[in-house]
Amino acid sequence: MTGAARSASGTSIDAVVFDWGGTLTPWTAMDPRVGWSRYTEAVHPDDPERAAALAATLVDADFAHWMRVKDTAQAFGIGDVFTAVGVDTRTDGHHAGLDAYRDYWTATTHTRPEAGPTLEALRGRGMRLGVLSSTMWPGDWHEDWLRRDGVLDAFDARVWSSDLAWTKPHPEAFRAALDALGVSDPSRAVYVGDRPYDDVTGAHRAGMRTVFVPHSDIPAAQQVPTDVEPDAVAHDLADIPGLIAGW
């Protein structure tokens, strides 16, 4: 669709970029300690004390990496957590553990049922669609889950911070998503997310418009105060096409 046609349709928005966890998927309270225990029990099935000790070390390393994200916005991947505690990722036990860890978190990965029709409506207006997620998990995990739910191909670009140097709220993370979509003017793009600081403040600093999705109970340790207000609030993803129709 040309710029003139977009103007005639009443919107100056070229692209909509979505957060993943808590936005495209419902917020689900999970315990990282259980996830890492599933991993270590598969790595050391005959040594529960060793498994428990390794799980505690991994929990601490996981938390420390996320706290560095909060302070510096430096991205990391799950491999960095394993490296920090000296895990040998070449073993069969590691691969079995990773499968068990991933299985534990699968409950958090199911796309909201209203996402598909919402994405279809936005694409019908000629908008480019993207995902930008702060994650330590490999991008192919996320893409498998989106494929499972039938929405992978709705997105023109999918950007995972585990592949980047920076994560939200750093402007370079948002720039990576916009570059992947071919959007040069951030004011012509909307970011949709559930975190007031990472998503709303971060996207505003990057020059984007924002839609806040107030679905998630963000843990206190992950919260950062902000006085930036979103451009709109969507209590359902299906509200988004109508909210941005006049922008």
C-alpha atoms as a PDB file:
ATOM      1  CA  MET A   1       0.000   0.000   0.000  1.00  0.00           C
ATOM      2  CA  THR A   2       1.368   3.443  -0.869  1.00  0.00           C
ATOM      3  CA  GLY A   3       1.791   6.319   1.523  1.00  0.00           C
ATOM      4  CA  ALA A   4      -0.941   8.259  -0.308  1.00  0.00           C
ATOM      5  CA  ALA A   5      -3.354   5.360   0.087  1.00  0.00           C
ATOM      6  CA  ARG A   6      -2.603   5.142   3.766  1.00  0.00           C
ATOM      7  CA  SER A   7      -3.295   8.834   4.147  1.00  0.00           C
ATOM      8  CA  ALA A   8      -6.597   8.410   2.346  1.00  0.00           C
ATOM      9  CA  SER A   9      -7.531   5.598   4.727  1.00  0.00           C
ATOM     10  CA  GLY A  10      -7.195   7.981   7.665  1.00  0.00           C
ATOM     11  CA  THR A  11      -4.068   6.612   9.339  1.00  0.00           C
ATOM     12  CA  SER A  12      -0.428   7.601   9.329  1.00  0.00           C
ATOM     13  CA  ILE A  13       0.664   4.283  10.842  1.00  0.00           C
ATOM     14  CA  ASP A  14       2.755   1.944   8.705  1.00  0.00           C
ATOM     15  CA  ALA A  15       3.537  -0.780  11.236  1.00  0.00           C
ATOM     16  CA  VAL A  16       2.449  -2.302  14.532  1.00  0.00           C
ATOM     17  CA  VAL A  17       4.994  -4.148  16.665  1.00  0.00           C
ATOM     18  CA  PHE A  18       3.870  -6.452  19.476  1.00  0.00           C
ATOM     19  CA  ASP A  19       5.517  -7.604  22.645  1.00  0.00           C
ATOM     20  CA  TRP A  20       5.229 -11.360  23.088  1.00  0.00           C
ATOM     21  CA  GLY A  21       4.959 -12.563  26.706  1.00  0.00           C
ATOM     22  CA  GLY A  22       2.035 -10.974  28.531  1.00  0.00           C
ATOM     23  CA  THR A  23       0.781  -9.312  25.356  1.00  0.00           C
ATOM     24  CA  LEU A  24       0.371 -11.813  22.537  1.00  0.00           C
ATOM     25  CA  THR A  25       0.271 -14.480  25.250  1.00  0.00           C
ATOM     26  CA  PRO A  26      -1.594 -14.193  28.569  1.00  0.00           C
ATOM     27  CA  TRP A  27       0.411 -13.453  31.679  1.00  0.00           C
ATOM     28  CA  THR A  28       0.946 -16.736  33.533  1.00  0.00           C
ATOM     29  CA  ALA A  29       2.603 -16.890  36.955  1.00  0.00           C
ATOM     30  CA  MET A  30       5.380 -19.487  36.868  1.00  0.00           C
ATOM     31  CA  ASP A  31       8.238 -20.295  39.237  1.00  0.00           C
ATOM     32  CA  PRO A  32      11.692 -20.195  37.593  1.00  0.00           C
ATOM     33  CA  ARG A  33      12.991 -22.432  40.378  1.00  0.00           C
ATOM     34  CA  VAL A  34      10.706 -25.222  39.183  1.00  0.00           C
ATOM     35  CA  GLY A  35      11.818 -24.770  35.576  1.00  0.00           C
ATOM     36  CA  TRP A  36      15.479 -25.011  36.514  1.00  0.00           C
ATOM     37  CA  SER A  37      14.765 -27.990  38.772  1.00  0.00           C
ATOM     38  CA  ARG A  38      13.192 -29.794  35.823  1.00  0.00           C
ATOM     39  CA  TYR A  39      16.397 -29.118  33.898  1.00  0.00           C
ATOM     40  CA  THR A  40      18.770 -30.338  36.599  1.00  0.00           C
ATOM     41  CA  GLU A  41      16.697 -33.403  37.474  1.00  0.00           C
ATOM     42  CA  ALA A  42      17.073 -34.517  33.857  1.00  0.00           C
ATOM     43  CA  VAL A  43      20.798 -33.742  33.874  1.00  0.00           C
ATOM     44  CA  HIS A  44      21.417 -35.577  37.174  1.00  0.00           C
ATOM     45  CA  PRO A  45      18.532 -38.066  37.480  1.00  0.00           C
ATOM     46  CA  ASP A  46      20.388 -40.279  39.967  1.00  0.00           C
ATOM     47  CA  ASP A  47      21.830 -37.543  42.159  1.00  0.00           C
ATOM     48  CA  PRO A  48      19.101 -35.347  43.684  1.00  0.00           C
ATOM     49  CA  GLU A  49      21.530 -33.394  45.868  1.00  0.00           C
ATOM     50  CA  ARG A  50      23.696 -32.467  42.911  1.00  0.00           C
ATOM     51  CA  ALA A  51      20.591 -31.597  40.893  1.00  0.00           C
ATOM     52  CA  ALA A  52      19.278 -29.341  43.660  1.00  0.00           C
ATOM     53  CA  ALA A  53      22.622 -27.569  44.048  1.00  0.00           C
ATOM     54  CA  LEU A  54      22.908 -26.919  40.314  1.00  0.00           C
ATOM     55  CA  ALA A  55      19.288 -25.705  40.167  1.00  0.00           C
ATOM     56  CA  ALA A  56      19.963 -23.159  42.914  1.00  0.00           C
ATOM     57  CA  THR A  57      23.042 -21.907  41.055  1.00  0.00           C
ATOM     58  CA  LEU A  58      21.111 -21.570  37.800  1.00  0.00           C
ATOM     59  CA  VAL A  59      18.272 -19.708  39.519  1.00  0.00           C
ATOM     60  CA  ASP A  60      20.765 -17.203  40.915  1.00  0.00           C
ATOM     61  CA  ALA A  61      22.485 -16.753  37.551  1.00  0.00           C
ATOM     62  CA  ASP A  62      19.156 -16.333  35.759  1.00  0.00           C
ATOM     63  CA  PHE A  63      18.035 -13.671  38.260  1.00  0.00           C
ATOM     64  CA  ALA A  64      21.376 -11.854  38.084  1.00  0.00           C
ATOM     65  CA  HIS A  65      21.200 -11.618  34.317  1.00  0.00           C
ATOM     66  CA  TRP A  66      17.681 -10.160  34.441  1.00  0.00           C
ATOM     67  CA  MET A  67      18.736  -7.641  37.075  1.00  0.00           C
ATOM     68  CA  ARG A  68      21.534  -6.523  34.752  1.00  0.00           C
ATOM     69  CA  VAL A  69      18.914  -6.087  32.044  1.00  0.00           C
ATOM     70  CA  LYS A  70      16.949  -3.866  34.404  1.00  0.00           C
ATOM     71  CA  ASP A  71      20.049  -1.739  35.076  1.00  0.00           C
ATOM     72  CA  THR A  72      21.757  -1.730  31.667  1.00  0.00           C
ATOM     73  CA  ALA A  73      19.362  -3.177  29.027  1.00  0.00           C
ATOM     74  CA  GLN A  74      22.151  -5.479  27.836  1.00  0.00           C
ATOM     75  CA  ALA A  75      20.587  -8.515  26.213  1.00  0.00           C
ATOM     76  CA  PHE A  76      21.551 -12.108  26.956  1.00  0.00           C
ATOM     77  CA  GLY A  77      20.591 -15.627  25.991  1.00  0.00           C
ATOM     78  CA  ILE A  78      20.026 -18.810  27.929  1.00  0.00           C
ATOM     79  CA  GLY A  79      23.482 -19.931  26.841  1.00  0.00           C
ATOM     80  CA  ASP A  80      24.957 -17.071  28.862  1.00  0.00           C
ATOM     81  CA  VAL A  81      23.268 -18.451  31.985  1.00  0.00           C
ATOM     82  CA  PHE A  82      24.794 -21.878  31.375  1.00  0.00           C
ATOM     83  CA  THR A  83      28.205 -20.342  30.722  1.00  0.00           C
ATOM     84  CA  ALA A  84      28.013 -18.332  33.942  1.00  0.00           C
ATOM     85  CA  VAL A  85      27.734 -21.503  36.029  1.00  0.00           C
ATOM     86  CA  GLY A  86      30.027 -23.683  33.931  1.00  0.00           C
ATOM     87  CA  VAL A  87      27.452 -26.059  32.419  1.00  0.00           C
ATOM     88  CA  ASP A  88      28.771 -28.290  29.637  1.00  0.00           C
ATOM     89  CA  THR A  89      26.127 -27.830  26.945  1.00  0.00           C
ATOM     90  CA  ARG A  90      27.543 -30.605  24.737  1.00  0.00           C
ATOM     91  CA  THR A  91      26.220 -33.517  26.811  1.00  0.00           C
ATOM     92  CA  ASP A  92      23.141 -35.655  26.245  1.00  0.00           C
ATOM     93  CA  GLY A  93      22.054 -34.808  29.782  1.00  0.00           C
ATOM     94  CA  HIS A  94      22.075 -31.100  28.967  1.00  0.00           C
ATOM     95  CA  HIS A  95      19.868 -31.636  25.909  1.00  0.00           C
ATOM     96  CA  ALA A  96      17.439 -33.771  27.922  1.00  0.00           C
ATOM     97  CA  GLY A  97      17.401 -31.083  30.603  1.00  0.00           C
ATOM     98  CA  LEU A  98      16.755 -28.338  28.086  1.00  0.00           C
ATOM     99  CA  ASP A  99      13.767 -30.272  26.738  1.00  0.00           C
ATOM    100  CA  ALA A 100      12.392 -30.653  30.275  1.00  0.00           C
ATOM    101  CA  TYR A 101      12.965 -26.958  31.008  1.00  0.00           C
ATOM    102  CA  ARG A 102      11.225 -25.919  27.797  1.00  0.00           C
ATOM    103  CA  ASP A 103       8.297 -28.262  28.484  1.00  0.00           C
ATOM    104  CA  TYR A 104       7.769 -26.617  31.867  1.00  0.00           C
ATOM    105  CA  TRP A 105       7.448 -23.163  30.313  1.00  0.00           C
ATOM    106  CA  THR A 106       5.146 -24.248  27.478  1.00  0.00           C
ATOM    107  CA  ALA A 107       2.101 -23.272  29.571  1.00  0.00           C
ATOM    108  CA  THR A 108       3.110 -19.614  29.127  1.00  0.00           C
ATOM    109  CA  THR A 109       3.430 -19.747  25.356  1.00  0.00           C
ATOM    110  CA  HIS A 110      -0.088 -20.025  23.973  1.00  0.00           C
ATOM    111  CA  THR A 111      -1.174 -17.100  21.809  1.00  0.00           C
ATOM    112  CA  ARG A 112      -4.344 -15.302  22.841  1.00  0.00           C
ATOM    113  CA  PRO A 113      -7.289 -16.441  20.688  1.00  0.00           C
ATOM    114  CA  GLU A 114      -8.111 -12.850  19.702  1.00  0.00           C
ATOM    115  CA  ALA A 115      -4.602 -12.293  18.355  1.00  0.00           C
ATOM    116  CA  GLY A 116      -5.203 -13.982  15.004  1.00  0.00           C
ATOM    117  CA  PRO A 117      -8.257 -11.913  13.986  1.00  0.00           C
ATOM    118  CA  THR A 118      -6.567  -8.739  15.275  1.00  0.00           C
ATOM    119  CA  LEU A 119      -3.469  -9.369  13.188  1.00  0.00           C
ATOM    120  CA  GLU A 120      -5.617 -10.163  10.162  1.00  0.00           C
ATOM    121  CA  ALA A 121      -7.527  -6.884  10.575  1.00  0.00           C
ATOM    122  CA  LEU A 122      -4.312  -4.865  10.786  1.00  0.00           C
ATOM    123  CA  ARG A 123      -2.798  -6.614   7.780  1.00  0.00           C
ATOM    124  CA  GLY A 124      -6.000  -5.903   5.888  1.00  0.00           C
ATOM    125  CA  ARG A 125      -5.226  -2.204   6.302  1.00  0.00           C
ATOM    126  CA  GLY A 126      -1.810  -2.709   4.734  1.00  0.00           C
ATOM    127  CA  MET A 127       0.134  -2.441   7.984  1.00  0.00           C
ATOM    128  CA  ARG A 128       3.375  -4.302   8.498  1.00  0.00           C
ATOM    129  CA  LEU A 129       3.422  -6.397  11.653  1.00  0.00           C
ATOM    130  CA  GLY A 130       6.286  -7.348  13.917  1.00  0.00           C
ATOM    131  CA  VAL A 131       7.199  -8.920  17.226  1.00  0.00           C
ATOM    132  CA  LEU A 132       9.873  -7.537  19.544  1.00  0.00           C
ATOM    133  CA  SER A 133      10.375  -9.558  22.713  1.00  0.00           C
ATOM    134  CA  SER A 134      12.802  -9.294  25.616  1.00  0.00           C
ATOM    135  CA  THR A 135      13.738 -12.939  26.037  1.00  0.00           C
ATOM    136  CA  MET A 136      16.661 -15.150  26.909  1.00  0.00           C
ATOM    137  CA  TRP A 137      15.129 -18.047  25.013  1.00  0.00           C
ATOM    138  CA  PRO A 138      16.234 -18.885  21.450  1.00  0.00           C
ATOM    139  CA  GLY A 139      14.218 -17.322  18.672  1.00  0.00           C
ATOM    140  CA  ASP A 140      13.392 -20.719  17.177  1.00  0.00           C
ATOM    141  CA  TRP A 141      11.533 -21.674  20.381  1.00  0.00           C
ATOM    142  CA  HIS A 142       9.282 -18.651  19.998  1.00  0.00           C
ATOM    143  CA  GLU A 143       8.785 -19.225  16.299  1.00  0.00           C
ATOM    144  CA  ASP A 144       7.827 -22.862  16.931  1.00  0.00           C
ATOM    145  CA  TRP A 145       5.152 -21.669  19.365  1.00  0.00           C
ATOM    146  CA  LEU A 146       3.829 -19.012  16.982  1.00  0.00           C
ATOM    147  CA  ARG A 147       3.765 -21.605  14.199  1.00  0.00           C
ATOM    148  CA  ARG A 148       1.898 -24.045  16.450  1.00  0.00           C
ATOM    149  CA  ASP A 149      -0.747 -21.366  17.064  1.00  0.00           C
ATOM    150  CA  GLY A 150      -1.098 -20.489  13.377  1.00  0.00           C
ATOM    151  CA  VAL A 151       0.120 -16.875  13.602  1.00  0.00           C
ATOM    152  CA  LEU A 152       3.794 -17.078  12.609  1.00  0.00           C
ATOM    153  CA  ASP A 153       3.191 -15.971   9.039  1.00  0.00           C
ATOM    154  CA  ALA A 154       1.090 -12.987  10.145  1.00  0.00           C
ATOM    155  CA  PHE A 155       4.315 -11.218  11.118  1.00  0.00           C
ATOM    156  CA  ASP A 156       6.597  -9.581   8.590  1.00  0.00           C
ATOM    157  CA  ALA A 157       9.442  -9.511  11.134  1.00  0.00           C
ATOM    158  CA  ARG A 158      10.164 -11.271  14.400  1.00  0.00           C
ATOM    159  CA  VAL A 159      12.929  -9.893  16.606  1.00  0.00           C
ATOM    160  CA  TRP A 160      14.121 -11.610  19.789  1.00  0.00           C
ATOM    161  CA  SER A 161      16.490  -9.868  22.185  1.00  0.00           C
ATOM    162  CA  SER A 162      18.445 -13.115  22.609  1.00  0.00           C
ATOM    163  CA  ASP A 163      19.782 -12.318  19.112  1.00  0.00           C
ATOM    164  CA  LEU A 164      20.603  -8.678  19.942  1.00  0.00           C
ATOM    165  CA  ALA A 165      23.157  -6.691  21.928  1.00  0.00           C
ATOM    166  CA  TRP A 166      20.402  -4.676  23.619  1.00  0.00           C
ATOM    167  CA  THR A 167      16.930  -5.402  24.879  1.00  0.00           C
ATOM    168  CA  LYS A 168      13.974  -3.200  25.801  1.00  0.00           C
ATOM    169  CA  PRO A 169      13.809  -0.409  26.853  1.00  0.00           C
ATOM    170  CA  HIS A 170      16.999   0.428  24.929  1.00  0.00           C
ATOM    171  CA  PRO A 171      16.207   2.382  21.720  1.00  0.00           C
ATOM    172  CA  GLU A 172      18.423   0.040  19.697  1.00  0.00           C
ATOM    173  CA  ALA A 173      16.091  -2.863  20.429  1.00  0.00           C
ATOM    174  CA  PHE A 174      13.131  -0.963  18.979  1.00  0.00           C
ATOM    175  CA  ARG A 175      15.295   0.227  16.095  1.00  0.00           C
ATOM    176  CA  ALA A 176      16.151  -3.383  15.291  1.00  0.00           C
ATOM    177  CA  ALA A 177      12.445  -4.201  14.986  1.00  0.00           C
ATOM    178  CA  LEU A 178      11.736  -1.147  12.842  1.00  0.00           C
ATOM    179  CA  ASP A 179      14.702  -1.905  10.587  1.00  0.00           C
ATOM    180  CA  ALA A 180      13.472  -5.482  10.174  1.00  0.00           C
ATOM    181  CA  LEU A 181      10.108  -4.075   9.065  1.00  0.00           C
ATOM    182  CA  GLY A 182      11.646  -1.471   6.767  1.00  0.00           C
ATOM    183  CA  VAL A 183      10.203   1.447   8.755  1.00  0.00           C
ATOM    184  CA  SER A 184      12.512   4.480   8.775  1.00  0.00           C
ATOM    185  CA  ASP A 185      10.225   6.875  10.670  1.00  0.00           C
ATOM    186  CA  PRO A 186       9.432   5.528  14.175  1.00  0.00           C
ATOM    187  CA  SER A 187       6.519   7.962  14.538  1.00  0.00           C
ATOM    188  CA  ARG A 188       4.719   5.894  11.900  1.00  0.00           C
ATOM    189  CA  ALA A 189       4.898   2.774  14.048  1.00  0.00           C
ATOM    190  CA  VAL A 190       3.024   1.597  17.147  1.00  0.00           C
ATOM    191  CA  TYR A 191       4.379  -0.625  19.894  1.00  0.00           C
ATOM    192  CA  VAL A 192       1.921  -2.788  21.860  1.00  0.00           C
ATOM    193  CA  GLY A 193       3.059  -4.109  25.233  1.00  0.00           C
ATOM    194  CA  ASP A 194       2.172  -4.907  28.831  1.00  0.00           C
ATOM    195  CA  ARG A 195       5.077  -3.275  30.707  1.00  0.00           C
ATOM    196  CA  PRO A 196       4.850   0.438  31.501  1.00  0.00           C
ATOM    197  CA  TYR A 197       8.613   1.001  31.558  1.00  0.00           C
ATOM    198  CA  ASP A 198      10.118  -1.519  29.133  1.00  0.00           C
ATOM    199  CA  ASP A 199       7.346  -1.191  26.548  1.00  0.00           C
ATOM    200  CA  VAL A 200       5.638   2.189  26.934  1.00  0.00           C
ATOM    201  CA  THR A 201       8.567   4.317  28.085  1.00  0.00           C
ATOM    202  CA  GLY A 202      11.033   2.457  25.896  1.00  0.00           C
ATOM    203  CA  ALA A 203       8.966   2.786  22.734  1.00  0.00           C
ATOM    204  CA  HIS A 204       8.230   6.464  23.393  1.00  0.00           C
ATOM    205  CA  ARG A 205      11.939   7.151  23.795  1.00  0.00           C
ATOM    206  CA  ALA A 206      12.470   5.437  20.460  1.00  0.00           C
ATOM    207  CA  GLY A 207       9.912   7.782  18.876  1.00  0.00           C
ATOM    208  CA  MET A 208       7.057   5.295  18.513  1.00  0.00           C
ATOM    209  CA  ARG A 209       3.387   5.533  19.481  1.00  0.00           C
ATOM    210  CA  THR A 210       2.267   3.091  22.168  1.00  0.00           C
ATOM    211  CA  VAL A 211      -0.663   0.951  23.196  1.00  0.00           C
ATOM    212  CA  PHE A 212      -0.563  -0.406  26.740  1.00  0.00           C
ATOM    213  CA  VAL A 213      -2.151  -3.795  27.455  1.00  0.00           C
ATOM    214  CA  PRO A 214      -2.784  -3.897  31.251  1.00  0.00           C
ATOM    215  CA  HIS A 215      -2.973  -7.674  31.562  1.00  0.00           C
ATOM    216  CA  SER A 216       0.093  -8.581  33.567  1.00  0.00           C
ATOM    217  CA  ASP A 217       1.070  -8.726  37.226  1.00  0.00           C
ATOM    218  CA  ILE A 218       4.702  -7.643  36.824  1.00  0.00           C
ATOM    219  CA  PRO A 219       6.879  -8.862  39.732  1.00  0.00           C
ATOM    220  CA  ALA A 220       8.030  -6.040  41.998  1.00  0.00           C
ATOM    221  CA  ALA A 221      11.707  -6.791  41.320  1.00  0.00           C
ATOM    222  CA  GLN A 222      11.136  -6.158  37.609  1.00  0.00           C
ATOM    223  CA  GLN A 223       9.208  -2.906  37.949  1.00  0.00           C
ATOM    224  CA  VAL A 224      10.719   0.486  37.170  1.00  0.00           C
ATOM    225  CA  PRO A 225       8.752   3.671  37.983  1.00  0.00           C
ATOM    226  CA  THR A 226       7.747   5.753  34.976  1.00  0.00           C
ATOM    227  CA  ASP A 227       5.610   8.829  34.362  1.00  0.00           C
ATOM    228  CA  VAL A 228       5.218   8.239  30.616  1.00  0.00           C
ATOM    229  CA  GLU A 229       1.613   7.702  29.562  1.00  0.00           C
ATOM    230  CA  PRO A 230       0.656   5.423  26.651  1.00  0.00           C
ATOM    231  CA  ASP A 231      -1.147   6.837  23.658  1.00  0.00           C
ATOM    232  CA  ALA A 232      -3.928   4.314  24.223  1.00  0.00           C
ATOM    233  CA  VAL A 233      -4.922   1.440  26.491  1.00  0.00           C
ATOM    234  CA  ALA A 234      -6.283  -1.821  25.069  1.00  0.00           C
ATOM    235  CA  HIS A 235      -8.059  -4.147  27.464  1.00  0.00           C
ATOM    236  CA  ASP A 236      -8.390  -6.664  24.630  1.00  0.00           C
ATOM    237  CA  LEU A 237      -6.144  -7.130  21.598  1.00  0.00           C
ATOM    238  CA  ALA A 238      -9.264  -6.899  19.461  1.00  0.00           C
ATOM    239  CA  ASP A 239      -9.567  -3.220  20.511  1.00  0.00           C
ATOM    240  CA  ILE A 240      -6.317  -2.246  18.807  1.00  0.00           C
ATOM    241  CA  PRO A 241      -7.483  -1.770  15.199  1.00  0.00           C
ATOM    242  CA  GLY A 242     -10.186   0.623  16.391  1.00  0.00           C
ATOM    243  CA  LEU A 243      -7.880   2.476  18.781  1.00  0.00           C
ATOM    244  CA  ILE A 244      -5.319   3.320  16.124  1.00  0.00           C
ATOM    245  CA  ALA A 245      -7.726   3.828  13.230  1.00  0.00           C
ATOM    246  CA  GLY A 246      -7.519   7.625  13.396  1.00  0.00           C
ATOM    247  CA  TRP A 247      -3.800   7.941  14.070  1.00  0.00           C
END
